[in-house]
Amino acid sequence: MDAQKIKLERLQLGLSQEKMAQRLGVIARTIRNYESGKTHVPDTVVKAHNCLKEKERIEKEKELNNDLDWLVDSLTEFAEIISTLDIKQFSNQKDYAYVVMLTCQEFIKQRGS
């Protein structure tokens, strides 16, 4: 891994040089030396970095999947609630839309808690 790549990846991860150093078990000066090209990045550090990067990617993917599952469950539940409303009982579509909007607001309050 060259100097530019390690710096770019550190920045993409949103890490300071100090945090990157902690992650890799080195001191911040070592990261500065890697990024400036003064010191070659050892294969063990590259492997540790790649492993931690993959772990983080997997964790983010799991978090995203959990968020998507929650969203699907919420939308399904909301659709079931809305399906109980009979549009024929309203005098016009505006009244129906208003009740749907109020139902949605209440649903969001309850699910958000």
Protein backbone atom coordinates (compact mmCIF):
# COMPACT_ATOMS: atom_id res chain seq x y z
CA MET A 1 0.00 0.00 0.00
CA ASP A 2 1.49 3.34 -0.98
CA ALA A 3 1.46 6.62 0.95
CA GLN A 4 -1.42 8.18 -0.99
CA LYS A 5 -3.63 5.11 -0.67
CA ILE A 6 -3.27 4.78 3.09
CA LYS A 7 -4.03 8.48 3.55
CA LEU A 8 -7.00 8.31 1.19
CA GLU A 9 -8.44 5.28 2.96
CA ARG A 10 -7.92 6.91 6.36
CA LEU A 11 -9.77 10.01 5.18
CA GLN A 12 -12.57 7.91 3.63
CA LEU A 13 -13.01 6.19 6.98
CA GLY A 14 -13.19 9.59 8.67
CA LEU A 15 -10.28 8.81 10.98
CA SER A 16 -7.61 11.15 12.33
CA GLN A 17 -4.02 9.99 12.17
CA GLU A 18 -4.22 9.31 15.90
CA LYS A 19 -7.35 7.14 15.55
CA MET A 20 -5.85 5.28 12.59
CA ALA A 21 -2.71 4.64 14.64
CA GLN A 22 -4.77 3.26 17.53
CA ARG A 23 -6.64 1.01 15.14
CA LEU A 24 -3.45 -0.41 13.72
CA GLY A 25 -1.52 -0.61 16.97
CA VAL A 26 1.12 1.94 16.05
CA ILE A 27 1.85 5.52 17.11
CA ALA A 28 0.57 8.57 15.21
CA ARG A 29 4.07 9.46 14.03
CA THR A 30 4.20 6.10 12.23
CA ILE A 31 1.00 6.95 10.33
CA ARG A 32 2.47 10.34 9.40
CA ASN A 33 5.60 8.58 8.16
CA TYR A 34 3.51 6.10 6.12
CA GLU A 35 1.48 8.92 4.58
CA SER A 36 4.52 11.04 3.76
CA GLY A 37 6.28 8.08 2.19
CA LYS A 38 9.15 8.19 4.70
CA THR A 39 8.33 4.69 5.91
CA HIS A 40 7.11 1.73 3.86
CA VAL A 41 3.80 0.30 5.08
CA PRO A 42 4.53 -3.28 6.20
CA ASP A 43 2.36 -6.11 4.88
CA THR A 44 1.19 -6.91 8.42
CA VAL A 45 -0.16 -3.37 8.81
CA VAL A 46 -1.84 -3.55 5.38
CA LYS A 47 -3.46 -6.88 6.33
CA ALA A 48 -4.63 -5.52 9.69
CA HIS A 49 -6.02 -2.41 7.99
CA ASN A 50 -7.86 -4.46 5.35
CA CYS A 51 -9.27 -6.78 8.00
CA LEU A 52 -10.55 -3.87 10.10
CA LYS A 53 -11.96 -2.19 6.99
CA GLU A 54 -13.86 -5.36 6.04
CA LYS A 55 -15.17 -5.74 9.61
CA GLU A 56 -16.45 -2.16 9.50
CA ARG A 57 -18.08 -2.75 6.09
CA ILE A 58 -19.87 -5.84 7.41
CA GLU A 59 -21.07 -3.97 10.51
CA LYS A 60 -22.40 -1.10 8.38
CA GLU A 61 -24.14 -3.59 6.08
CA LYS A 62 -25.79 -5.29 9.05
CA GLU A 63 -26.90 -1.92 10.40
CA LEU A 64 -28.33 -0.97 7.02
CA ASN A 65 -30.16 -4.30 6.76
CA ASN A 66 -31.62 -3.77 10.24
CA ASP A 67 -32.77 -0.28 9.22
CA LEU A 68 -34.32 -1.66 6.04
CA ASP A 69 -36.07 -4.44 7.96
CA TRP A 70 -37.48 -1.85 10.37
CA LEU A 71 -38.64 0.32 7.46
CA VAL A 72 -40.34 -2.59 5.68
CA ASP A 73 -42.04 -3.68 8.90
CA SER A 74 -43.18 -0.12 9.56
CA LEU A 75 -44.53 0.39 6.05
CA THR A 76 -46.33 -2.95 6.16
CA GLU A 77 -47.93 -2.08 9.48
CA PHE A 78 -48.90 1.39 8.22
CA ALA A 79 -50.40 -0.09 5.05
CA GLU A 80 -52.49 -2.44 7.19
CA ILE A 81 -53.79 0.49 9.24
CA ILE A 82 -54.61 2.55 6.15
CA SER A 83 -56.34 -0.41 4.50
CA THR A 84 -58.93 -0.32 7.30
CA LEU A 85 -60.05 3.13 6.16
CA ASP A 86 -62.93 3.01 3.72
CA ILE A 87 -62.70 5.89 1.28
CA LYS A 88 -66.46 5.69 0.72
CA GLN A 89 -67.12 6.91 4.27
CA PHE A 90 -65.48 10.25 3.45
CA SER A 91 -67.31 13.04 1.66
CA ASN A 92 -64.32 13.74 -0.60
CA GLN A 93 -60.75 12.73 -1.31
CA LYS A 94 -59.35 15.70 0.62
CA ASP A 95 -60.95 14.45 3.84
CA TYR A 96 -59.60 10.97 3.20
CA ALA A 97 -56.11 12.33 2.48
CA TYR A 98 -56.27 14.42 5.66
CA VAL A 99 -57.16 11.39 7.79
CA VAL A 100 -54.38 9.38 6.13
CA MET A 101 -51.93 12.21 6.90
CA LEU A 102 -53.02 12.40 10.55
CA THR A 103 -52.79 8.62 10.83
CA CYS A 104 -49.31 8.75 9.35
CA GLN A 105 -48.18 11.45 11.79
CA GLU A 106 -49.49 9.48 14.76
CA PHE A 107 -47.92 6.30 13.45
CA ILE A 108 -44.54 8.01 13.08
CA LYS A 109 -44.75 9.34 16.65
CA GLN A 110 -45.50 5.86 18.00
CA ARG A 111 -42.88 4.04 15.92
CA GLY A 112 -40.23 6.66 16.54
CA SER A 113 -40.44 6.26 20.30
